[in-house]
Amino acid sequence: ALDQARTGRTCLTIAHRLSTIRNSDKICVVDRGQIKESGRHEQLISQQGIYYKLNMAQERPENLKDN
């Protein structure tokens, strides 16, 4: 439903569930009020930064390690 509603529009989505924003044109990872990473889902996964770690934790909680 969200994909259909935002077609042809600029849409700002704030989400904790990363599956909600997976198909977004641009994802910004904000940490302590600053944009730390931005790009498409595939780009952010390949960077293996904050977004990657959050994604892994949500998809497979057993992958979450104390760092």
N, C-alpha and C. Protein backbone atom coordinates (compact mmCIF):
# COMPACT_ATOMS: atom_id res chain seq x y z
N ALA A 1 0.82 -1.20 0.00
CA ALA A 1 0.00 0.00 0.00
C ALA A 1 0.86 1.26 0.00
N LEU A 2 1.94 1.24 0.79
CA LEU A 2 2.83 2.41 0.85
C LEU A 2 3.50 2.65 -0.50
N ASP A 3 3.94 1.58 -1.17
CA ASP A 3 4.57 1.72 -2.48
C ASP A 3 3.63 2.41 -3.47
N GLN A 4 2.37 2.03 -3.45
CA GLN A 4 1.40 2.62 -4.37
C GLN A 4 1.11 4.08 -4.01
N ALA A 5 1.04 4.39 -2.74
CA ALA A 5 0.72 5.75 -2.30
C ALA A 5 1.82 6.74 -2.64
N ARG A 6 3.07 6.30 -2.65
CA ARG A 6 4.17 7.23 -2.91
C ARG A 6 4.59 7.31 -4.37
N THR A 7 3.98 6.56 -5.25
CA THR A 7 4.32 6.59 -6.67
C THR A 7 4.10 7.99 -7.24
N GLY A 8 5.15 8.56 -7.83
CA GLY A 8 5.07 9.88 -8.43
C GLY A 8 5.11 11.03 -7.45
N ARG A 9 5.43 10.74 -6.19
CA ARG A 9 5.44 11.77 -5.16
C ARG A 9 6.75 11.71 -4.37
N THR A 10 7.07 12.82 -3.75
CA THR A 10 8.16 12.83 -2.78
C THR A 10 7.55 12.42 -1.45
N CYS A 11 8.15 11.43 -0.82
CA CYS A 11 7.59 10.89 0.42
C CYS A 11 8.71 10.71 1.44
N LEU A 12 8.56 11.28 2.61
CA LEU A 12 9.51 11.10 3.69
C LEU A 12 8.92 10.08 4.65
N THR A 13 9.63 8.98 4.83
CA THR A 13 9.17 7.91 5.69
C THR A 13 10.18 7.69 6.79
N ILE A 14 9.72 7.68 8.02
CA ILE A 14 10.58 7.37 9.16
C ILE A 14 10.16 5.99 9.63
N ALA A 15 11.14 5.08 9.69
CA ALA A 15 10.78 3.69 9.98
C ALA A 15 11.81 3.02 10.88
N HIS A 16 11.33 2.16 11.72
CA HIS A 16 12.20 1.28 12.50
C HIS A 16 12.32 -0.07 11.81
N ARG A 17 11.27 -0.48 11.14
CA ARG A 17 11.31 -1.73 10.38
C ARG A 17 11.87 -1.43 9.00
N LEU A 18 13.04 -1.94 8.73
CA LEU A 18 13.72 -1.63 7.48
C LEU A 18 13.00 -2.18 6.26
N SER A 19 12.20 -3.21 6.44
CA SER A 19 11.44 -3.74 5.31
C SER A 19 10.47 -2.69 4.76
N THR A 20 10.07 -1.74 5.59
CA THR A 20 9.17 -0.67 5.16
C THR A 20 9.81 0.23 4.11
N ILE A 21 11.12 0.42 4.19
CA ILE A 21 11.81 1.38 3.31
C ILE A 21 12.72 0.71 2.29
N ARG A 22 12.73 -0.59 2.24
CA ARG A 22 13.64 -1.34 1.36
C ARG A 22 13.58 -0.87 -0.09
N ASN A 23 12.42 -0.52 -0.60
CA ASN A 23 12.26 -0.14 -2.01
C ASN A 23 12.35 1.37 -2.25
N SER A 24 12.78 2.12 -1.26
CA SER A 24 12.88 3.57 -1.40
C SER A 24 14.00 3.95 -2.37
N ASP A 25 13.83 5.09 -3.04
CA ASP A 25 14.86 5.59 -3.95
C ASP A 25 16.11 6.02 -3.20
N LYS A 26 15.93 6.56 -2.00
CA LYS A 26 17.07 6.98 -1.20
C LYS A 26 16.75 6.74 0.27
N ILE A 27 17.67 6.11 0.97
CA ILE A 27 17.54 5.83 2.39
C ILE A 27 18.64 6.61 3.10
N CYS A 28 18.27 7.34 4.15
CA CYS A 28 19.25 8.06 4.96
C CYS A 28 19.28 7.44 6.35
N VAL A 29 20.46 7.07 6.79
CA VAL A 29 20.63 6.53 8.13
C VAL A 29 21.04 7.69 9.03
N VAL A 30 20.21 7.99 10.02
CA VAL A 30 20.47 9.11 10.92
C VAL A 30 20.89 8.55 12.27
N ASP A 31 22.00 9.05 12.78
CA ASP A 31 22.51 8.64 14.08
C ASP A 31 22.86 9.89 14.87
N ARG A 32 22.20 10.08 16.00
CA ARG A 32 22.41 11.24 16.86
C ARG A 32 22.27 12.56 16.10
N GLY A 33 21.25 12.61 15.25
CA GLY A 33 20.91 13.83 14.54
C GLY A 33 21.72 14.11 13.29
N GLN A 34 22.61 13.21 12.90
CA GLN A 34 23.42 13.41 11.70
C GLN A 34 23.21 12.26 10.73
N ILE A 35 23.20 12.60 9.43
CA ILE A 35 23.11 11.56 8.40
C ILE A 35 24.47 10.88 8.30
N LYS A 36 24.51 9.61 8.62
CA LYS A 36 25.76 8.84 8.61
C LYS A 36 25.95 8.08 7.31
N GLU A 37 24.85 7.63 6.70
CA GLU A 37 24.91 6.87 5.45
C GLU A 37 23.68 7.23 4.62
N SER A 38 23.83 7.15 3.31
CA SER A 38 22.66 7.32 2.45
C SER A 38 22.88 6.58 1.14
N GLY A 39 21.77 6.15 0.54
CA GLY A 39 21.82 5.43 -0.72
C GLY A 39 20.64 4.49 -0.83
N ARG A 40 20.66 3.65 -1.83
CA ARG A 40 19.63 2.63 -2.01
C ARG A 40 19.95 1.44 -1.10
N HIS A 41 18.97 0.59 -0.89
CA HIS A 41 19.13 -0.58 -0.02
C HIS A 41 20.38 -1.39 -0.40
N GLU A 42 20.51 -1.70 -1.68
CA GLU A 42 21.62 -2.54 -2.14
C GLU A 42 22.97 -1.89 -1.86
N GLN A 43 23.06 -0.58 -2.06
CA GLN A 43 24.31 0.14 -1.80
C GLN A 43 24.67 0.10 -0.32
N LEU A 44 23.68 0.35 0.52
CA LEU A 44 23.94 0.38 1.96
C LEU A 44 24.31 -1.00 2.49
N ILE A 45 23.71 -2.04 1.95
CA ILE A 45 24.07 -3.40 2.35
C ILE A 45 25.51 -3.69 1.96
N SER A 46 25.91 -3.30 0.76
CA SER A 46 27.27 -3.59 0.29
C SER A 46 28.33 -2.83 1.08
N GLN A 47 27.97 -1.70 1.68
CA GLN A 47 28.92 -0.92 2.48
C GLN A 47 29.20 -1.56 3.84
N GLN A 48 28.29 -2.42 4.28
CA GLN A 48 28.40 -3.13 5.55
C GLN A 48 28.63 -2.19 6.74
N GLY A 49 27.87 -1.10 6.76
CA GLY A 49 27.95 -0.12 7.84
C GLY A 49 26.79 -0.27 8.80
N ILE A 50 26.29 0.86 9.28
CA ILE A 50 25.20 0.89 10.26
C ILE A 50 23.95 0.22 9.71
N TYR A 51 23.54 0.59 8.50
CA TYR A 51 22.33 0.04 7.90
C TYR A 51 22.44 -1.48 7.77
N TYR A 52 23.58 -1.94 7.31
CA TYR A 52 23.81 -3.39 7.16
C TYR A 52 23.62 -4.09 8.50
N LYS A 53 24.22 -3.54 9.56
CA LYS A 53 24.13 -4.16 10.89
C LYS A 53 22.68 -4.18 11.39
N LEU A 54 21.97 -3.08 11.18
CA LEU A 54 20.56 -3.03 11.59
C LEU A 54 19.73 -4.04 10.80
N ASN A 55 20.00 -4.12 9.51
CA ASN A 55 19.28 -5.05 8.64
C ASN A 55 19.53 -6.50 9.09
N MET A 56 20.78 -6.83 9.36
CA MET A 56 21.11 -8.19 9.81
C MET A 56 20.42 -8.50 11.14
N ALA A 57 20.40 -7.53 12.04
CA ALA A 57 19.76 -7.74 13.34
C ALA A 57 18.26 -7.98 13.20
N GLN A 58 17.62 -7.29 12.25
CA GLN A 58 16.18 -7.46 12.07
C GLN A 58 15.86 -8.75 11.33
N GLU A 59 16.67 -9.11 10.35
CA GLU A 59 16.40 -10.34 9.60
C GLU A 59 16.75 -11.59 10.39
N ARG A 60 17.85 -11.50 11.11
CA ARG A 60 18.32 -12.65 11.89
C ARG A 60 18.87 -12.15 13.22
N PRO A 61 18.01 -12.04 14.24
CA PRO A 61 18.45 -11.51 15.54
C PRO A 61 19.64 -12.25 16.14
N GLU A 62 19.82 -13.51 15.78
CA GLU A 62 20.96 -14.26 16.33
C GLU A 62 22.29 -13.73 15.79
N ASN A 63 22.26 -12.92 14.72
CA ASN A 63 23.48 -12.33 14.17
C ASN A 63 23.92 -11.09 14.93
N LEU A 64 23.07 -10.58 15.81
CA LEU A 64 23.39 -9.37 16.56
C LEU A 64 24.43 -9.69 17.62
N LYS A 65 25.53 -8.95 17.57
CA LYS A 65 26.61 -9.14 18.54
C LYS A 65 26.81 -7.85 19.29
N ASP A 66 27.27 -7.94 20.52
CA ASP A 66 27.61 -6.75 21.29
C ASP A 66 28.91 -6.18 20.77
N ASN A 67 28.86 -4.94 20.27
CA ASN A 67 30.06 -4.26 19.76
C ASN A 67 30.23 -2.95 20.46
